[in-house]
Amino acid sequence: MLLITRRINESIIINGTIEVKVVEVRGNRVKLGFEYPAGNTVYREELFRKIQEENRNALEITPENLTNVLNKIGKKETP
């Protein structure tokens, strides 16, 4: 992990395209501002991990999941 010390209104640049700026510090809370190219997404870590988990679960093939998918595309159920 890279640790960098920054003060209010100071920033870091990631990959030459993403700027992360310290906007405010109050007690033990820090407010960050992000500037990044259009088309990219930024998620809070806990939300990103939840999305990954749901995507992995959606890929699990069980007899019930397979039956549901086949029914949705109009094919016969498998035995």
PDB file of N, CA and C in Angstrom:
ATOM      1  N   MET A   1       0.849  -1.175   0.000  1.00  0.00           N
ATOM      2  CA  MET A   1       0.000   0.000   0.000  1.00  0.00           C
ATOM      3  C   MET A   1       0.892   1.236   0.000  1.00  0.00           C
ATOM      4  N   LEU A   2       0.554   2.173  -0.814  1.00  0.00           N
ATOM      5  CA  LEU A   2       1.262   3.447  -0.880  1.00  0.00           C
ATOM      6  C   LEU A   2       0.571   4.428   0.049  1.00  0.00           C
ATOM      7  N   LEU A   3       1.320   5.059   0.926  1.00  0.00           N
ATOM      8  CA  LEU A   3       0.774   6.078   1.826  1.00  0.00           C
ATOM      9  C   LEU A   3       1.338   7.430   1.429  1.00  0.00           C
ATOM     10  N   ILE A   4       0.462   8.405   1.251  1.00  0.00           N
ATOM     11  CA  ILE A   4       0.867   9.748   0.842  1.00  0.00           C
ATOM     12  C   ILE A   4       0.200  10.749   1.781  1.00  0.00           C
ATOM     13  N   THR A   5       0.963  11.699   2.256  1.00  0.00           N
ATOM     14  CA  THR A   5       0.409  12.754   3.105  1.00  0.00           C
ATOM     15  C   THR A   5       0.046  13.949   2.231  1.00  0.00           C
ATOM     16  N   ARG A   6      -1.168  14.437   2.384  1.00  0.00           N
ATOM     17  CA  ARG A   6      -1.653  15.606   1.645  1.00  0.00           C
ATOM     18  C   ARG A   6      -2.390  16.523   2.599  1.00  0.00           C
ATOM     19  N   ARG A   7      -2.400  17.803   2.273  1.00  0.00           N
ATOM     20  CA  ARG A   7      -3.159  18.793   3.040  1.00  0.00           C
ATOM     21  C   ARG A   7      -4.367  19.228   2.214  1.00  0.00           C
ATOM     22  N   ILE A   8      -5.247  20.004   2.821  1.00  0.00           N
ATOM     23  CA  ILE A   8      -6.424  20.520   2.116  1.00  0.00           C
ATOM     24  C   ILE A   8      -5.971  21.244   0.847  1.00  0.00           C
ATOM     25  N   ASN A   9      -6.684  20.991  -0.235  1.00  0.00           N
ATOM     26  CA  ASN A   9      -6.439  21.536  -1.579  1.00  0.00           C
ATOM     27  C   ASN A   9      -5.215  20.947  -2.266  1.00  0.00           C
ATOM     28  N   GLU A  10      -4.549  19.979  -1.664  1.00  0.00           N
ATOM     29  CA  GLU A  10      -3.478  19.271  -2.348  1.00  0.00           C
ATOM     30  C   GLU A  10      -4.067  18.018  -2.969  1.00  0.00           C
ATOM     31  N   SER A  11      -3.426  17.534  -4.027  1.00  0.00           N
ATOM     32  CA  SER A  11      -3.991  16.380  -4.724  1.00  0.00           C
ATOM     33  C   SER A  11      -2.894  15.422  -5.160  1.00  0.00           C
ATOM     34  N   ILE A  12      -3.346  14.279  -5.662  1.00  0.00           N
ATOM     35  CA  ILE A  12      -2.461  13.316  -6.312  1.00  0.00           C
ATOM     36  C   ILE A  12      -3.061  13.005  -7.674  1.00  0.00           C
ATOM     37  N   ILE A  13      -2.218  12.579  -8.588  1.00  0.00           N
ATOM     38  CA  ILE A  13      -2.660  12.213  -9.930  1.00  0.00           C
ATOM     39  C   ILE A  13      -2.367  10.730 -10.121  1.00  0.00           C
ATOM     40  N   ILE A  14      -3.364   9.975 -10.591  1.00  0.00           N
ATOM     41  CA  ILE A  14      -3.225   8.537 -10.828  1.00  0.00           C
ATOM     42  C   ILE A  14      -3.300   8.284 -12.326  1.00  0.00           C
ATOM     43  N   ASN A  15      -2.311   7.584 -12.846  1.00  0.00           N
ATOM     44  CA  ASN A  15      -2.241   7.235 -14.278  1.00  0.00           C
ATOM     45  C   ASN A  15      -2.370   8.444 -15.197  1.00  0.00           C
ATOM     46  N   GLY A  16      -2.028   9.603 -14.729  1.00  0.00           N
ATOM     47  CA  GLY A  16      -2.065  10.797 -15.565  1.00  0.00           C
ATOM     48  C   GLY A  16      -3.446  11.282 -15.929  1.00  0.00           C
ATOM     49  N   THR A  17      -4.500  10.620 -15.429  1.00  0.00           N
ATOM     50  CA  THR A  17      -5.864  11.009 -15.827  1.00  0.00           C
ATOM     51  C   THR A  17      -6.819  11.190 -14.656  1.00  0.00           C
ATOM     52  N   ILE A  18      -6.470  10.690 -13.489  1.00  0.00           N
ATOM     53  CA  ILE A  18      -7.380  10.757 -12.344  1.00  0.00           C
ATOM     54  C   ILE A  18      -6.745  11.628 -11.265  1.00  0.00           C
ATOM     55  N   GLU A  19      -7.451  12.686 -10.876  1.00  0.00           N
ATOM     56  CA  GLU A  19      -6.980  13.565  -9.814  1.00  0.00           C
ATOM     57  C   GLU A  19      -7.821  13.331  -8.558  1.00  0.00           C
ATOM     58  N   VAL A  20      -7.135  13.099  -7.451  1.00  0.00           N
ATOM     59  CA  VAL A  20      -7.797  12.939  -6.157  1.00  0.00           C
ATOM     60  C   VAL A  20      -7.320  14.100  -5.284  1.00  0.00           C
ATOM     61  N   LYS A  21      -8.263  14.929  -4.835  1.00  0.00           N
ATOM     62  CA  LYS A  21      -7.941  16.147  -4.100  1.00  0.00           C
ATOM     63  C   LYS A  21      -8.542  16.099  -2.703  1.00  0.00           C
ATOM     64  N   VAL A  22      -7.776  16.507  -1.710  1.00  0.00           N
ATOM     65  CA  VAL A  22      -8.292  16.626  -0.344  1.00  0.00           C
ATOM     66  C   VAL A  22      -9.090  17.924  -0.285  1.00  0.00           C
ATOM     67  N   VAL A  23     -10.382  17.809  -0.053  1.00  0.00           N
ATOM     68  CA  VAL A  23     -11.279  18.962  -0.060  1.00  0.00           C
ATOM     69  C   VAL A  23     -11.497  19.489   1.356  1.00  0.00           C
ATOM     70  N   GLU A  24     -11.601  18.567   2.330  1.00  0.00           N
ATOM     71  CA  GLU A  24     -11.915  18.991   3.702  1.00  0.00           C
ATOM     72  C   GLU A  24     -11.445  17.921   4.678  1.00  0.00           C
ATOM     73  N   VAL A  25     -11.009  18.370   5.854  1.00  0.00           N
ATOM     74  CA  VAL A  25     -10.663  17.464   6.939  1.00  0.00           C
ATOM     75  C   VAL A  25     -11.377  17.959   8.190  1.00  0.00           C
ATOM     76  N   ARG A  26     -12.168  17.058   8.794  1.00  0.00           N
ATOM     77  CA  ARG A  26     -12.876  17.375  10.050  1.00  0.00           C
ATOM     78  C   ARG A  26     -12.681  16.215  10.999  1.00  0.00           C
ATOM     79  N   GLY A  27     -11.902  16.428  12.047  1.00  0.00           N
ATOM     80  CA  GLY A  27     -11.652  15.350  12.993  1.00  0.00           C
ATOM     81  C   GLY A  27     -11.001  14.181  12.296  1.00  0.00           C
ATOM     82  N   ASN A  28     -11.636  13.010  12.378  1.00  0.00           N
ATOM     83  CA  ASN A  28     -11.077  11.819  11.732  1.00  0.00           C
ATOM     84  C   ASN A  28     -11.730  11.523  10.385  1.00  0.00           C
ATOM     85  N   ARG A  29     -12.413  12.506   9.802  1.00  0.00           N
ATOM     86  CA  ARG A  29     -13.063  12.323   8.498  1.00  0.00           C
ATOM     87  C   ARG A  29     -12.390  13.201   7.452  1.00  0.00           C
ATOM     88  N   VAL A  30     -12.232  12.636   6.256  1.00  0.00           N
ATOM     89  CA  VAL A  30     -11.602  13.351   5.152  1.00  0.00           C
ATOM     90  C   VAL A  30     -12.564  13.350   3.975  1.00  0.00           C
ATOM     91  N   LYS A  31     -12.771  14.508   3.365  1.00  0.00           N
ATOM     92  CA  LYS A  31     -13.605  14.597   2.163  1.00  0.00           C
ATOM     93  C   LYS A  31     -12.670  14.717   0.963  1.00  0.00           C
ATOM     94  N   LEU A  32     -12.835  13.804   0.010  1.00  0.00           N
ATOM     95  CA  LEU A  32     -12.013  13.770  -1.185  1.00  0.00           C
ATOM     96  C   LEU A  32     -12.835  14.159  -2.402  1.00  0.00           C
ATOM     97  N   GLY A  33     -12.203  14.828  -3.337  1.00  0.00           N
ATOM     98  CA  GLY A  33     -12.825  15.141  -4.616  1.00  0.00           C
ATOM     99  C   GLY A  33     -12.097  14.391  -5.712  1.00  0.00           C
ATOM    100  N   PHE A  34     -12.838  13.900  -6.708  1.00  0.00           N
ATOM    101  CA  PHE A  34     -12.255  13.115  -7.790  1.00  0.00           C
ATOM    102  C   PHE A  34     -12.586  13.754  -9.128  1.00  0.00           C
ATOM    103  N   GLU A  35     -11.582  13.900  -9.967  1.00  0.00           N
ATOM    104  CA  GLU A  35     -11.790  14.290 -11.363  1.00  0.00           C
ATOM    105  C   GLU A  35     -11.214  13.175 -12.200  1.00  0.00           C
ATOM    106  N   TYR A  36     -12.038  12.641 -13.117  1.00  0.00           N
ATOM    107  CA  TYR A  36     -11.617  11.502 -13.920  1.00  0.00           C
ATOM    108  C   TYR A  36     -12.324  11.554 -15.264  1.00  0.00           C
ATOM    109  N   PRO A  37     -11.762  10.879 -16.257  1.00  0.00           N
ATOM    110  CA  PRO A  37     -12.342  10.916 -17.608  1.00  0.00           C
ATOM    111  C   PRO A  37     -13.760  10.347 -17.644  1.00  0.00           C
ATOM    112  N   ALA A  38     -14.563  10.908 -18.517  1.00  0.00           N
ATOM    113  CA  ALA A  38     -15.926  10.405 -18.722  1.00  0.00           C
ATOM    114  C   ALA A  38     -15.860   8.936 -19.136  1.00  0.00           C
ATOM    115  N   GLY A  39     -16.847   8.178 -18.720  1.00  0.00           N
ATOM    116  CA  GLY A  39     -16.905   6.771 -19.065  1.00  0.00           C
ATOM    117  C   GLY A  39     -16.313   5.866 -18.001  1.00  0.00           C
ATOM    118  N   ASN A  40     -15.588   6.413 -17.058  1.00  0.00           N
ATOM    119  CA  ASN A  40     -15.057   5.635 -15.943  1.00  0.00           C
ATOM    120  C   ASN A  40     -16.063   5.658 -14.798  1.00  0.00           C
ATOM    121  N   THR A  41     -15.949   4.691 -13.907  1.00  0.00           N
ATOM    122  CA  THR A  41     -16.835   4.655 -12.756  1.00  0.00           C
ATOM    123  C   THR A  41     -16.015   4.653 -11.477  1.00  0.00           C
ATOM    124  N   VAL A  42     -16.603   5.192 -10.428  1.00  0.00           N
ATOM    125  CA  VAL A  42     -15.976   5.213  -9.108  1.00  0.00           C
ATOM    126  C   VAL A  42     -17.010   4.707  -8.113  1.00  0.00           C
ATOM    127  N   TYR A  43     -16.626   3.716  -7.316  1.00  0.00           N
ATOM    128  CA  TYR A  43     -17.525   3.151  -6.308  1.00  0.00           C
ATOM    129  C   TYR A  43     -16.855   3.195  -4.944  1.00  0.00           C
ATOM    130  N   ARG A  44     -17.656   3.346  -3.904  1.00  0.00           N
ATOM    131  CA  ARG A  44     -17.143   3.116  -2.551  1.00  0.00           C
ATOM    132  C   ARG A  44     -16.767   1.643  -2.473  1.00  0.00           C
ATOM    133  N   GLU A  45     -15.748   1.322  -1.699  1.00  0.00           N
ATOM    134  CA  GLU A  45     -15.248  -0.051  -1.647  1.00  0.00           C
ATOM    135  C   GLU A  45     -16.337  -1.051  -1.293  1.00  0.00           C
ATOM    136  N   GLU A  46     -17.153  -0.759  -0.286  1.00  0.00           N
ATOM    137  CA  GLU A  46     -18.164  -1.736   0.139  1.00  0.00           C
ATOM    138  C   GLU A  46     -19.196  -1.995  -0.950  1.00  0.00           C
ATOM    139  N   LEU A  47     -19.540  -0.978  -1.721  1.00  0.00           N
ATOM    140  CA  LEU A  47     -20.483  -1.159  -2.826  1.00  0.00           C
ATOM    141  C   LEU A  47     -19.829  -1.959  -3.956  1.00  0.00           C
ATOM    142  N   PHE A  48     -18.581  -1.658  -4.266  1.00  0.00           N
ATOM    143  CA  PHE A  48     -17.853  -2.381  -5.302  1.00  0.00           C
ATOM    144  C   PHE A  48     -17.771  -3.862  -4.959  1.00  0.00           C
ATOM    145  N   ARG A  49     -17.467  -4.192  -3.701  1.00  0.00           N
ATOM    146  CA  ARG A  49     -17.363  -5.593  -3.283  1.00  0.00           C
ATOM    147  C   ARG A  49     -18.729  -6.291  -3.365  1.00  0.00           C
ATOM    148  N   LYS A  50     -19.812  -5.580  -3.040  1.00  0.00           N
ATOM    149  CA  LYS A  50     -21.159  -6.149  -3.136  1.00  0.00           C
ATOM    150  C   LYS A  50     -21.512  -6.457  -4.592  1.00  0.00           C
ATOM    151  N   ILE A  51     -21.167  -5.560  -5.500  1.00  0.00           N
ATOM    152  CA  ILE A  51     -21.421  -5.777  -6.923  1.00  0.00           C
ATOM    153  C   ILE A  51     -20.644  -6.996  -7.410  1.00  0.00           C
ATOM    154  N   GLN A  52     -19.378  -7.110  -7.008  1.00  0.00           N
ATOM    155  CA  GLN A  52     -18.573  -8.270  -7.393  1.00  0.00           C
ATOM    156  C   GLN A  52     -19.194  -9.565  -6.888  1.00  0.00           C
ATOM    157  N   GLU A  53     -19.646  -9.559  -5.639  1.00  0.00           N
ATOM    158  CA  GLU A  53     -20.265 -10.752  -5.048  1.00  0.00           C
ATOM    159  C   GLU A  53     -21.522 -11.152  -5.807  1.00  0.00           C
ATOM    160  N   GLU A  54     -22.368 -10.171  -6.126  1.00  0.00           N
ATOM    161  CA  GLU A  54     -23.594 -10.464  -6.862  1.00  0.00           C
ATOM    162  C   GLU A  54     -23.288 -10.982  -8.260  1.00  0.00           C
ATOM    163  N   ASN A  55     -22.256 -10.443  -8.897  1.00  0.00           N
ATOM    164  CA  ASN A  55     -21.869 -10.940 -10.222  1.00  0.00           C
ATOM    165  C   ASN A  55     -21.375 -12.379 -10.146  1.00  0.00           C
ATOM    166  N   ARG A  56     -20.575 -12.705  -9.126  1.00  0.00           N
ATOM    167  CA  ARG A  56     -20.104 -14.085  -8.954  1.00  0.00           C
ATOM    168  C   ARG A  56     -21.280 -15.023  -8.708  1.00  0.00           C
ATOM    169  N   ASN A  57     -22.219 -14.596  -7.862  1.00  0.00           N
ATOM    170  CA  ASN A  57     -23.393 -15.430  -7.582  1.00  0.00           C
ATOM    171  C   ASN A  57     -24.234 -15.653  -8.833  1.00  0.00           C
ATOM    172  N   ALA A  58     -24.309 -14.636  -9.676  1.00  0.00           N
ATOM    173  CA  ALA A  58     -25.100 -14.769 -10.908  1.00  0.00           C
ATOM    174  C   ALA A  58     -24.472 -15.775 -11.866  1.00  0.00           C
ATOM    175  N   LEU A  59     -23.181 -16.008 -11.742  1.00  0.00           N
ATOM    176  CA  LEU A  59     -22.492 -16.946 -12.631  1.00  0.00           C
ATOM    177  C   LEU A  59     -22.573 -18.389 -12.155  1.00  0.00           C
ATOM    178  N   GLU A  60     -23.002 -18.586 -10.912  1.00  0.00           N
ATOM    179  CA  GLU A  60     -23.099 -19.943 -10.392  1.00  0.00           C
ATOM    180  C   GLU A  60     -24.197 -20.696 -11.136  1.00  0.00           C
ATOM    181  N   ILE A  61     -23.871 -21.877 -11.615  1.00  0.00           N
ATOM    182  CA  ILE A  61     -24.844 -22.681 -12.345  1.00  0.00           C
ATOM    183  C   ILE A  61     -25.368 -23.766 -11.412  1.00  0.00           C
ATOM    184  N   THR A  62     -26.644 -23.667 -11.112  1.00  0.00           N
ATOM    185  CA  THR A  62     -27.338 -24.690 -10.341  1.00  0.00           C
ATOM    186  C   THR A  62     -28.477 -25.194 -11.206  1.00  0.00           C
ATOM    187  N   PRO A  63     -29.032 -26.350 -10.893  1.00  0.00           N
ATOM    188  CA  PRO A  63     -30.178 -26.834 -11.693  1.00  0.00           C
ATOM    189  C   PRO A  63     -31.321 -25.809 -11.746  1.00  0.00           C
ATOM    190  N   GLU A  64     -31.564 -25.136 -10.626  1.00  0.00           N
ATOM    191  CA  GLU A  64     -32.644 -24.145 -10.589  1.00  0.00           C
ATOM    192  C   GLU A  64     -32.322 -22.955 -11.495  1.00  0.00           C
ATOM    193  N   ASN A  65     -31.073 -22.468 -11.420  1.00  0.00           N
ATOM    194  CA  ASN A  65     -30.679 -21.340 -12.269  1.00  0.00           C
ATOM    195  C   ASN A  65     -30.769 -21.709 -13.741  1.00  0.00           C
ATOM    196  N   LEU A  66     -30.291 -22.909 -14.085  1.00  0.00           N
ATOM    197  CA  LEU A  66     -30.313 -23.354 -15.467  1.00  0.00           C
ATOM    198  C   LEU A  66     -31.755 -23.474 -15.970  1.00  0.00           C
ATOM    199  N   THR A  67     -32.628 -24.041 -15.142  1.00  0.00           N
ATOM    200  CA  THR A  67     -34.039 -24.164 -15.517  1.00  0.00           C
ATOM    201  C   THR A  67     -34.652 -22.794 -15.744  1.00  0.00           C
ATOM    202  N   ASN A  68     -34.370 -21.850 -14.853  1.00  0.00           N
ATOM    203  CA  ASN A  68     -34.909 -20.491 -15.007  1.00  0.00           C
ATOM    204  C   ASN A  68     -34.434 -19.840 -16.294  1.00  0.00           C
ATOM    205  N   VAL A  69     -33.147 -19.981 -16.596  1.00  0.00           N
ATOM    206  CA  VAL A  69     -32.603 -19.386 -17.812  1.00  0.00           C
ATOM    207  C   VAL A  69     -33.237 -20.028 -19.041  1.00  0.00           C
ATOM    208  N   LEU A  70     -33.310 -21.363 -19.050  1.00  0.00           N
ATOM    209  CA  LEU A  70     -33.896 -22.049 -20.202  1.00  0.00           C
ATOM    210  C   LEU A  70     -35.365 -21.677 -20.390  1.00  0.00           C
ATOM    211  N   ASN A  71     -36.092 -21.541 -19.303  1.00  0.00           N
ATOM    212  CA  ASN A  71     -37.504 -21.130 -19.399  1.00  0.00           C
ATOM    213  C   ASN A  71     -37.620 -19.725 -19.970  1.00  0.00           C
ATOM    214  N   LYS A  72     -36.697 -18.849 -19.603  1.00  0.00           N
ATOM    215  CA  LYS A  72     -36.754 -17.461 -20.090  1.00  0.00           C
ATOM    216  C   LYS A  72     -36.489 -17.388 -21.583  1.00  0.00           C
ATOM    217  N   ILE A  73     -35.677 -18.302 -22.099  1.00  0.00           N
ATOM    218  CA  ILE A  73     -35.384 -18.242 -23.535  1.00  0.00           C
ATOM    219  C   ILE A  73     -36.288 -19.180 -24.329  1.00  0.00           C
ATOM    220  N   GLY A  74     -37.264 -19.810 -23.638  1.00  0.00           N
ATOM    221  CA  GLY A  74     -38.291 -20.563 -24.318  1.00  0.00           C
ATOM    222  C   GLY A  74     -37.924 -21.998 -24.673  1.00  0.00           C
ATOM    223  N   LYS A  75     -36.959 -22.573 -23.993  1.00  0.00           N
ATOM    224  CA  LYS A  75     -36.605 -23.967 -24.257  1.00  0.00           C
ATOM    225  C   LYS A  75     -37.189 -24.846 -23.191  1.00  0.00           C
ATOM    226  N   LYS A  76     -37.194 -26.151 -23.454  1.00  0.00           N
ATOM    227  CA  LYS A  76     -37.714 -27.126 -22.496  1.00  0.00           C
ATOM    228  C   LYS A  76     -36.807 -27.217 -21.282  1.00  0.00           C
ATOM    229  N   GLU A  77     -37.411 -27.586 -20.144  1.00  0.00           N
ATOM    230  CA  GLU A  77     -36.634 -27.809 -18.936  1.00  0.00           C
ATOM    231  C   GLU A  77     -35.758 -29.040 -19.112  1.00  0.00           C
ATOM    232  N   THR A  78     -34.621 -29.034 -18.406  1.00  0.00           N
ATOM    233  CA  THR A  78     -33.758 -30.207 -18.415  1.00  0.00           C
ATOM    234  C   THR A  78     -34.220 -31.143 -17.293  1.00  0.00           C
ATOM    235  N   PRO A  79     -34.033 -32.454 -17.458  1.00  0.00           N
ATOM    236  CA  PRO A  79     -34.497 -33.395 -16.419  1.00  0.00           C
ATOM    237  C   PRO A  79     -33.714 -33.247 -15.145  1.00  0.00           C
TER     238      PRO A  79
END
